[in-house]
């Protein structure tokens, strides 16, 4: 049973890394897009508003996925320790 908990912990750690790596990568791409459009008046404003909105949505999604993984790891820990 302990090995399954260890496997869950490793899987959770990897998935968290993937989630936040994707978030950082997406943020970098959005920053590049914002800088590339900064000299075009109306396009710049629209782009920045959309990117802020998408950034907020991406952050909320990443936090929710991380919290779900934390709950899964906690359930596995309780199962191993017999706290259920």
PDB file of N, CA and C in Angstrom:
ATOM      1  N   UNK A   1       0.818  -1.192   0.000  1.00  0.00           N
ATOM      2  CA  UNK A   1       0.000   0.000   0.000  1.00  0.00           C
ATOM      3  C   UNK A   1       0.864   1.257   0.000  1.00  0.00           C
ATOM      4  N   UNK A   2       1.999   1.224   0.707  1.00  0.00           N
ATOM      5  CA  UNK A   2       2.862   2.398   0.785  1.00  0.00           C
ATOM      6  C   UNK A   2       3.432   2.764  -0.580  1.00  0.00           C
ATOM      7  N   UNK A   3       3.700   1.755  -1.390  1.00  0.00           N
ATOM      8  CA  UNK A   3       4.236   2.053  -2.711  1.00  0.00           C
ATOM      9  C   UNK A   3       3.195   2.772  -3.567  1.00  0.00           C
ATOM     10  N   UNK A   4       1.905   2.434  -3.388  1.00  0.00           N
ATOM     11  CA  UNK A   4       0.880   3.126  -4.169  1.00  0.00           C
ATOM     12  C   UNK A   4       0.797   4.595  -3.743  1.00  0.00           C
ATOM     13  N   UNK A   5       0.975   4.857  -2.454  1.00  0.00           N
ATOM     14  CA  UNK A   5       0.981   6.243  -1.984  1.00  0.00           C
ATOM     15  C   UNK A   5       2.169   6.988  -2.574  1.00  0.00           C
ATOM     16  N   UNK A   6       3.320   6.330  -2.599  1.00  0.00           N
ATOM     17  CA  UNK A   6       4.509   6.937  -3.187  1.00  0.00           C
ATOM     18  C   UNK A   6       4.299   7.213  -4.667  1.00  0.00           C
ATOM     19  N   UNK A   7       3.666   6.269  -5.354  1.00  0.00           N
ATOM     20  CA  UNK A   7       3.378   6.458  -6.778  1.00  0.00           C
ATOM     21  C   UNK A   7       2.430   7.634  -6.985  1.00  0.00           C
ATOM     22  N   UNK A   8       1.426   7.740  -6.125  1.00  0.00           N
ATOM     23  CA  UNK A   8       0.482   8.857  -6.227  1.00  0.00           C
ATOM     24  C   UNK A   8       1.205  10.174  -5.990  1.00  0.00           C
ATOM     25  N   UNK A   9       2.060  10.209  -4.987  1.00  0.00           N
ATOM     26  CA  UNK A   9       2.803  11.433  -4.682  1.00  0.00           C
ATOM     27  C   UNK A   9       3.679  11.861  -5.864  1.00  0.00           C
ATOM     28  N   UNK A  10       4.366  10.886  -6.465  1.00  0.00           N
ATOM     29  CA  UNK A  10       5.211  11.201  -7.615  1.00  0.00           C
ATOM     30  C   UNK A  10       4.374  11.698  -8.785  1.00  0.00           C
ATOM     31  N   UNK A  11       3.250  11.043  -9.025  1.00  0.00           N
ATOM     32  CA  UNK A  11       2.375  11.448 -10.131  1.00  0.00           C
ATOM     33  C   UNK A  11       1.809  12.842  -9.891  1.00  0.00           C
ATOM     34  N   UNK A  12       1.429  13.130  -8.658  1.00  0.00           N
ATOM     35  CA  UNK A  12       0.903  14.456  -8.318  1.00  0.00           C
ATOM     36  C   UNK A  12       1.973  15.519  -8.538  1.00  0.00           C
ATOM     37  N   UNK A  13       3.187  15.238  -8.104  1.00  0.00           N
ATOM     38  CA  UNK A  13       4.282  16.189  -8.264  1.00  0.00           C
ATOM     39  C   UNK A  13       4.540  16.482  -9.743  1.00  0.00           C
ATOM     40  N   UNK A  14       4.542  15.432 -10.564  1.00  0.00           N
ATOM     41  CA  UNK A  14       4.778  15.600 -12.003  1.00  0.00           C
ATOM     42  C   UNK A  14       3.644  16.400 -12.636  1.00  0.00           C
ATOM     43  N   UNK A  15       2.411  16.080 -12.274  1.00  0.00           N
ATOM     44  CA  UNK A  15       1.264  16.786 -12.855  1.00  0.00           C
ATOM     45  C   UNK A  15       1.250  18.257 -12.433  1.00  0.00           C
ATOM     46  N   UNK A  16       1.598  18.540 -11.189  1.00  0.00           N
ATOM     47  CA  UNK A  16       1.675  19.937 -10.746  1.00  0.00           C
ATOM     48  C   UNK A  16       2.734  20.682 -11.548  1.00  0.00           C
ATOM     49  N   UNK A  17       3.880  20.033 -11.749  1.00  0.00           N
ATOM     50  CA  UNK A  17       4.930  20.668 -12.544  1.00  0.00           C
ATOM     51  C   UNK A  17       4.420  20.962 -13.943  1.00  0.00           C
ATOM     52  N   UNK A  18       3.731  20.014 -14.566  1.00  0.00           N
ATOM     53  CA  UNK A  18       3.208  20.211 -15.918  1.00  0.00           C
ATOM     54  C   UNK A  18       2.197  21.350 -15.964  1.00  0.00           C
ATOM     55  N   UNK A  19       1.325  21.405 -14.979  1.00  0.00           N
ATOM     56  CA  UNK A  19       0.309  22.464 -14.933  1.00  0.00           C
ATOM     57  C   UNK A  19       0.979  23.828 -14.866  1.00  0.00           C
ATOM     58  N   UNK A  20       1.894  23.994 -13.931  1.00  0.00           N
ATOM     59  CA  UNK A  20       2.505  25.310 -13.743  1.00  0.00           C
ATOM     60  C   UNK A  20       3.507  25.640 -14.837  1.00  0.00           C
ATOM     61  N   UNK A  21       4.143  24.644 -15.436  1.00  0.00           N
ATOM     62  CA  UNK A  21       5.017  24.901 -16.586  1.00  0.00           C
ATOM     63  C   UNK A  21       4.189  25.411 -17.762  1.00  0.00           C
ATOM     64  N   UNK A  22       3.037  24.792 -17.978  1.00  0.00           N
ATOM     65  CA  UNK A  22       2.141  25.253 -19.044  1.00  0.00           C
ATOM     66  C   UNK A  22       1.660  26.670 -18.764  1.00  0.00           C
ATOM     67  N   UNK A  23       1.377  26.974 -17.505  1.00  0.00           N
ATOM     68  CA  UNK A  23       0.918  28.315 -17.132  1.00  0.00           C
ATOM     69  C   UNK A  23       2.019  29.352 -17.416  1.00  0.00           C
ATOM     70  N   UNK A  24       3.248  29.039 -17.016  1.00  0.00           N
ATOM     71  CA  UNK A  24       4.371  29.957 -17.250  1.00  0.00           C
ATOM     72  C   UNK A  24       4.617  30.125 -18.747  1.00  0.00           C
ATOM     73  N   UNK A  25       4.567  29.025 -19.479  1.00  0.00           N
ATOM     74  CA  UNK A  25       4.781  29.095 -20.929  1.00  0.00           C
ATOM     75  C   UNK A  25       3.701  29.937 -21.600  1.00  0.00           C
ATOM     76  N   UNK A  26       2.466  29.723 -21.222  1.00  0.00           N
ATOM     77  CA  UNK A  26       1.366  30.514 -21.771  1.00  0.00           C
ATOM     78  C   UNK A  26       1.495  31.984 -21.432  1.00  0.00           C
ATOM     79  N   UNK A  27       1.921  32.273 -20.215  1.00  0.00           N
ATOM     80  CA  UNK A  27       2.119  33.675 -19.809  1.00  0.00           C
ATOM     81  C   UNK A  27       3.226  34.328 -20.633  1.00  0.00           C
ATOM     82  N   UNK A  28       4.293  33.585 -20.889  1.00  0.00           N
ATOM     83  CA  UNK A  28       5.384  34.126 -21.700  1.00  0.00           C
ATOM     84  C   UNK A  28       4.913  34.401 -23.129  1.00  0.00           C
ATOM     85  N   UNK A  29       4.133  33.487 -23.679  1.00  0.00           N
ATOM     86  CA  UNK A  29       3.601  33.696 -25.030  1.00  0.00           C
ATOM     87  C   UNK A  29       2.679  34.909 -25.060  1.00  0.00           C
ATOM     88  N   UNK A  30       1.840  35.049 -24.045  1.00  0.00           N
ATOM     89  CA  UNK A  30       0.944  36.216 -23.992  1.00  0.00           C
ATOM     90  C   UNK A  30       1.731  37.516 -23.885  1.00  0.00           C
ATOM     91  N   UNK A  31       2.825  37.497 -23.119  1.00  0.00           N
ATOM     92  CA  UNK A  31       3.663  38.684 -23.000  1.00  0.00           C
ATOM     93  C   UNK A  31       4.303  39.052 -24.330  1.00  0.00           C
ATOM     94  N   UNK A  32       4.775  38.051 -25.057  1.00  0.00           N
ATOM     95  CA  UNK A  32       5.360  38.293 -26.379  1.00  0.00           C
ATOM     96  C   UNK A  32       4.320  38.890 -27.322  1.00  0.00           C
ATOM     97  N   UNK A  33       3.107  38.368 -27.296  1.00  0.00           N
ATOM     98  CA  UNK A  33       2.033  38.899 -28.143  1.00  0.00           C
ATOM     99  C   UNK A  33       1.716  40.333 -27.769  1.00  0.00           C
ATOM    100  N   UNK A  34       1.643  40.621 -26.464  1.00  0.00           N
ATOM    101  CA  UNK A  34       1.345  41.981 -26.015  1.00  0.00           C
ATOM    102  C   UNK A  34       2.429  42.961 -26.459  1.00  0.00           C
ATOM    103  N   UNK A  35       3.688  42.561 -26.358  1.00  0.00           N
ATOM    104  CA  UNK A  35       4.791  43.436 -26.772  1.00  0.00           C
ATOM    105  C   UNK A  35       4.778  43.630 -28.290  1.00  0.00           C
ATOM    106  N   UNK A  36       4.452  42.573 -29.027  1.00  0.00           N
ATOM    107  CA  UNK A  36       4.445  42.657 -30.489  1.00  0.00           C
ATOM    108  C   UNK A  36       3.352  43.583 -31.008  1.00  0.00           C
ATOM    109  N   UNK A  37       2.263  43.717 -30.259  1.00  0.00           N
ATOM    110  CA  UNK A  37       1.144  44.550 -30.732  1.00  0.00           C
ATOM    111  C   UNK A  37       1.085  45.920 -30.063  1.00  0.00           C
ATOM    112  N   UNK A  38       2.079  46.262 -29.270  1.00  0.00           N
ATOM    113  CA  UNK A  38       1.990  47.497 -28.489  1.00  0.00           C
ATOM    114  C   UNK A  38       2.006  48.772 -29.332  1.00  0.00           C
ATOM    115  N   UNK A  39       2.507  48.723 -30.543  1.00  0.00           N
ATOM    116  CA  UNK A  39       2.571  49.924 -31.371  1.00  0.00           C
ATOM    117  C   UNK A  39       1.346  50.123 -32.254  1.00  0.00           C
ATOM    118  N   UNK A  40       0.409  49.182 -32.235  1.00  0.00           N
ATOM    119  CA  UNK A  40      -0.808  49.293 -33.035  1.00  0.00           C
ATOM    120  C   UNK A  40      -1.938  49.671 -32.081  1.00  0.00           C
ATOM    121  N   UNK A  41      -2.443  50.896 -32.198  1.00  0.00           N
ATOM    122  CA  UNK A  41      -3.317  51.514 -31.197  1.00  0.00           C
ATOM    123  C   UNK A  41      -4.469  50.623 -30.729  1.00  0.00           C
ATOM    124  N   UNK A  42      -5.478  50.409 -31.527  1.00  0.00           N
ATOM    125  CA  UNK A  42      -6.665  49.698 -31.056  1.00  0.00           C
ATOM    126  C   UNK A  42      -6.395  48.209 -30.870  1.00  0.00           C
ATOM    127  N   UNK A  43      -5.550  47.623 -31.709  1.00  0.00           N
ATOM    128  CA  UNK A  43      -5.223  46.205 -31.574  1.00  0.00           C
ATOM    129  C   UNK A  43      -4.520  45.955 -30.243  1.00  0.00           C
ATOM    130  N   UNK A  44      -3.672  46.878 -29.839  1.00  0.00           N
ATOM    131  CA  UNK A  44      -2.943  46.741 -28.591  1.00  0.00           C
ATOM    132  C   UNK A  44      -3.902  46.708 -27.400  1.00  0.00           C
ATOM    133  N   UNK A  45      -4.863  47.591 -27.395  1.00  0.00           N
ATOM    134  CA  UNK A  45      -5.817  47.659 -26.280  1.00  0.00           C
ATOM    135  C   UNK A  45      -6.659  46.386 -26.226  1.00  0.00           C
ATOM    136  N   UNK A  46      -7.194  45.989 -27.366  1.00  0.00           N
ATOM    137  CA  UNK A  46      -8.021  44.781 -27.414  1.00  0.00           C
ATOM    138  C   UNK A  46      -7.197  43.559 -27.013  1.00  0.00           C
ATOM    139  N   UNK A  47      -5.986  43.468 -27.517  1.00  0.00           N
ATOM    140  CA  UNK A  47      -5.115  42.333 -27.192  1.00  0.00           C
ATOM    141  C   UNK A  47      -4.819  42.286 -25.702  1.00  0.00           C
ATOM    142  N   UNK A  48      -4.491  43.414 -25.125  1.00  0.00           N
ATOM    143  CA  UNK A  48      -4.166  43.441 -23.706  1.00  0.00           C
ATOM    144  C   UNK A  48      -5.365  43.058 -22.842  1.00  0.00           C
ATOM    145  N   UNK A  49      -6.548  43.530 -23.191  1.00  0.00           N
ATOM    146  CA  UNK A  49      -7.747  43.175 -22.431  1.00  0.00           C
ATOM    147  C   UNK A  49      -8.009  41.676 -22.526  1.00  0.00           C
ATOM    148  N   UNK A  50      -7.922  41.137 -23.746  1.00  0.00           N
ATOM    149  CA  UNK A  50      -8.137  39.702 -23.922  1.00  0.00           C
ATOM    150  C   UNK A  50      -7.090  38.876 -23.178  1.00  0.00           C
ATOM    151  N   UNK A  51      -5.843  39.298 -23.233  1.00  0.00           N
ATOM    152  CA  UNK A  51      -4.778  38.541 -22.575  1.00  0.00           C
ATOM    153  C   UNK A  51      -4.908  38.587 -21.058  1.00  0.00           C
ATOM    154  N   UNK A  52      -5.331  39.716 -20.512  1.00  0.00           N
ATOM    155  CA  UNK A  52      -5.560  39.790 -19.064  1.00  0.00           C
ATOM    156  C   UNK A  52      -6.690  38.838 -18.675  1.00  0.00           C
ATOM    157  N   UNK A  53      -7.772  38.868 -19.440  1.00  0.00           N
ATOM    158  CA  UNK A  53      -8.910  37.979 -19.170  1.00  0.00           C
ATOM    159  C   UNK A  53      -8.485  36.513 -19.272  1.00  0.00           C
ATOM    160  N   UNK A  54      -7.771  36.165 -20.324  1.00  0.00           N
ATOM    161  CA  UNK A  54      -7.306  34.786 -20.487  1.00  0.00           C
ATOM    162  C   UNK A  54      -6.299  34.389 -19.409  1.00  0.00           C
ATOM    163  N   UNK A  55      -5.476  35.335 -19.001  1.00  0.00           N
ATOM    164  CA  UNK A  55      -4.510  35.066 -17.933  1.00  0.00           C
ATOM    165  C   UNK A  55      -5.200  34.761 -16.615  1.00  0.00           C
ATOM    166  N   UNK A  56      -6.250  35.516 -16.322  1.00  0.00           N
ATOM    167  CA  UNK A  56      -7.009  35.265 -15.095  1.00  0.00           C
ATOM    168  C   UNK A  56      -7.676  33.896 -15.161  1.00  0.00           C
ATOM    169  N   UNK A  57      -8.282  33.570 -16.311  1.00  0.00           N
ATOM    170  CA  UNK A  57      -8.913  32.262 -16.459  1.00  0.00           C
ATOM    171  C   UNK A  57      -7.897  31.128 -16.337  1.00  0.00           C
ATOM    172  N   UNK A  58      -6.735  31.306 -16.939  1.00  0.00           N
ATOM    173  CA  UNK A  58      -5.694  30.271 -16.872  1.00  0.00           C
ATOM    174  C   UNK A  58      -5.204  30.087 -15.438  1.00  0.00           C
ATOM    175  N   UNK A  59      -5.078  31.176 -14.716  1.00  0.00           N
ATOM    176  CA  UNK A  59      -4.635  31.095 -13.323  1.00  0.00           C
ATOM    177  C   UNK A  59      -5.669  30.365 -12.467  1.00  0.00           C
ATOM    178  N   UNK A  60      -6.927  30.698 -12.649  1.00  0.00           N
ATOM    179  CA  UNK A  60      -7.993  30.028 -11.896  1.00  0.00           C
ATOM    180  C   UNK A  60      -7.997  28.532 -12.214  1.00  0.00           C
ATOM    181  N   UNK A  61      -7.868  28.196 -13.487  1.00  0.00           N
ATOM    182  CA  UNK A  61      -7.854  26.781 -13.874  1.00  0.00           C
ATOM    183  C   UNK A  61      -6.658  26.053 -13.266  1.00  0.00           C
ATOM    184  N   UNK A  62      -5.495  26.672 -13.294  1.00  0.00           N
ATOM    185  CA  UNK A  62      -4.292  26.032 -12.747  1.00  0.00           C
ATOM    186  C   UNK A  62      -4.422  25.817 -11.238  1.00  0.00           C
ATOM    187  N   UNK A  63      -4.951  26.803 -10.541  1.00  0.00           N
ATOM    188  CA  UNK A  63      -5.126  26.674  -9.092  1.00  0.00           C
ATOM    189  C   UNK A  63      -6.141  25.576  -8.778  1.00  0.00           C
ATOM    190  N   UNK A  64      -7.235  25.532  -9.532  1.00  0.00           N
ATOM    191  CA  UNK A  64      -8.258  24.501  -9.294  1.00  0.00           C
ATOM    192  C   UNK A  64      -7.702  23.103  -9.563  1.00  0.00           C
ATOM    193  N   UNK A  65      -6.917  22.952 -10.627  1.00  0.00           N
ATOM    194  CA  UNK A  65      -6.326  21.644 -10.923  1.00  0.00           C
ATOM    195  C   UNK A  65      -5.324  21.242  -9.841  1.00  0.00           C
ATOM    196  N   UNK A  66      -4.547  22.204  -9.365  1.00  0.00           N
ATOM    197  CA  UNK A  66      -3.583  21.922  -8.299  1.00  0.00           C
ATOM    198  C   UNK A  66      -4.311  21.512  -7.019  1.00  0.00           C
ATOM    199  N   UNK A  67      -5.392  22.207  -6.704  1.00  0.00           N
ATOM    200  CA  UNK A  67      -6.161  21.847  -5.506  1.00  0.00           C
ATOM    201  C   UNK A  67      -6.770  20.450  -5.626  1.00  0.00           C
ATOM    202  N   UNK A  68      -7.240  20.091  -6.815  1.00  0.00           N
ATOM    203  CA  UNK A  68      -7.789  18.750  -7.028  1.00  0.00           C
ATOM    204  C   UNK A  68      -6.702  17.690  -6.828  1.00  0.00           C
ATOM    205  N   UNK A  69      -5.510  17.963  -7.328  1.00  0.00           N
ATOM    206  CA  UNK A  69      -4.402  17.021  -7.130  1.00  0.00           C
ATOM    207  C   UNK A  69      -4.040  16.910  -5.651  1.00  0.00           C
ATOM    208  N   UNK A  70      -4.076  18.026  -4.938  1.00  0.00           N
ATOM    209  CA  UNK A  70      -3.792  17.990  -3.499  1.00  0.00           C
ATOM    210  C   UNK A  70      -4.821  17.141  -2.754  1.00  0.00           C
ATOM    211  N   UNK A  71      -6.089  17.259  -3.140  1.00  0.00           N
ATOM    212  CA  UNK A  71      -7.135  16.448  -2.513  1.00  0.00           C
ATOM    213  C   UNK A  71      -6.918  14.963  -2.801  1.00  0.00           C
ATOM    214  N   UNK A  72      -6.507  14.649  -4.032  1.00  0.00           N
ATOM    215  CA  UNK A  72      -6.242  13.257  -4.401  1.00  0.00           C
ATOM    216  C   UNK A  72      -5.085  12.700  -3.575  1.00  0.00           C
ATOM    217  N   UNK A  73      -4.033  13.479  -3.417  1.00  0.00           N
ATOM    218  CA  UNK A  73      -2.881  13.038  -2.624  1.00  0.00           C
ATOM    219  C   UNK A  73      -3.260  12.879  -1.160  1.00  0.00           C
ATOM    220  N   UNK A  74      -4.084  13.772  -0.654  1.00  0.00           N
ATOM    221  CA  UNK A  74      -4.521  13.679   0.740  1.00  0.00           C
ATOM    222  C   UNK A  74      -5.382  12.432   0.963  1.00  0.00           C
ATOM    223  N   UNK A  75      -6.250  12.122   0.008  1.00  0.00           N
ATOM    224  CA  UNK A  75      -7.071  10.910   0.121  1.00  0.00           C
ATOM    225  C   UNK A  75      -6.193   9.662   0.102  1.00  0.00           C
ATOM    226  N   UNK A  76      -5.171   9.641  -0.729  1.00  0.00           N
ATOM    227  CA  UNK A  76      -4.253   8.499  -0.782  1.00  0.00           C
ATOM    228  C   UNK A  76      -3.485   8.375   0.529  1.00  0.00           C
ATOM    229  N   UNK A  77      -3.080   9.500   1.086  1.00  0.00           N
ATOM    230  CA  UNK A  77      -2.360   9.480   2.373  1.00  0.00           C
ATOM    231  C   UNK A  77      -3.250   8.940   3.479  1.00  0.00           C
ATOM    232  N   UNK A  78      -4.497   9.393   3.510  1.00  0.00           N
ATOM    233  CA  UNK A  78      -5.420   8.907   4.542  1.00  0.00           C
ATOM    234  C   UNK A  78      -5.694   7.418   4.381  1.00  0.00           C
ATOM    235  N   UNK A  79      -5.770   6.958   3.146  1.00  0.00           N
ATOM    236  CA  UNK A  79      -5.998   5.536   2.905  1.00  0.00           C
ATOM    237  C   UNK A  79      -4.819   4.717   3.410  1.00  0.00           C
ATOM    238  N   UNK A  80      -3.621   5.193   3.161  1.00  0.00           N
ATOM    239  CA  UNK A  80      -2.421   4.466   3.619  1.00  0.00           C
ATOM    240  C   UNK A  80      -2.342   4.456   5.135  1.00  0.00           C
ATOM    241  N   UNK A  81      -2.662   5.586   5.759  1.00  0.00           N
ATOM    242  CA  UNK A  81      -2.579   5.673   7.215  1.00  0.00           C
ATOM    243  C   UNK A  81      -3.794   5.085   7.908  1.00  0.00           C
ATOM    244  N   UNK A  82      -4.809   4.708   7.146  1.00  0.00           N
ATOM    245  CA  UNK A  82      -5.995   4.111   7.736  1.00  0.00           C
ATOM    246  C   UNK A  82      -6.911   5.113   8.413  1.00  0.00           C
ATOM    247  N   UNK A  83      -6.897   6.338   7.955  1.00  0.00           N
ATOM    248  CA  UNK A  83      -7.713   7.390   8.581  1.00  0.00           C
ATOM    249  C   UNK A  83      -9.123   7.469   8.000  1.00  0.00           C
ATOM    250  N   UNK A  84      -9.433   6.632   7.013  1.00  0.00           N
ATOM    251  CA  UNK A  84     -10.767   6.706   6.408  1.00  0.00           C
ATOM    252  C   UNK A  84     -11.825   6.154   7.297  1.00  0.00           C
TER     253      UNK A  84
END
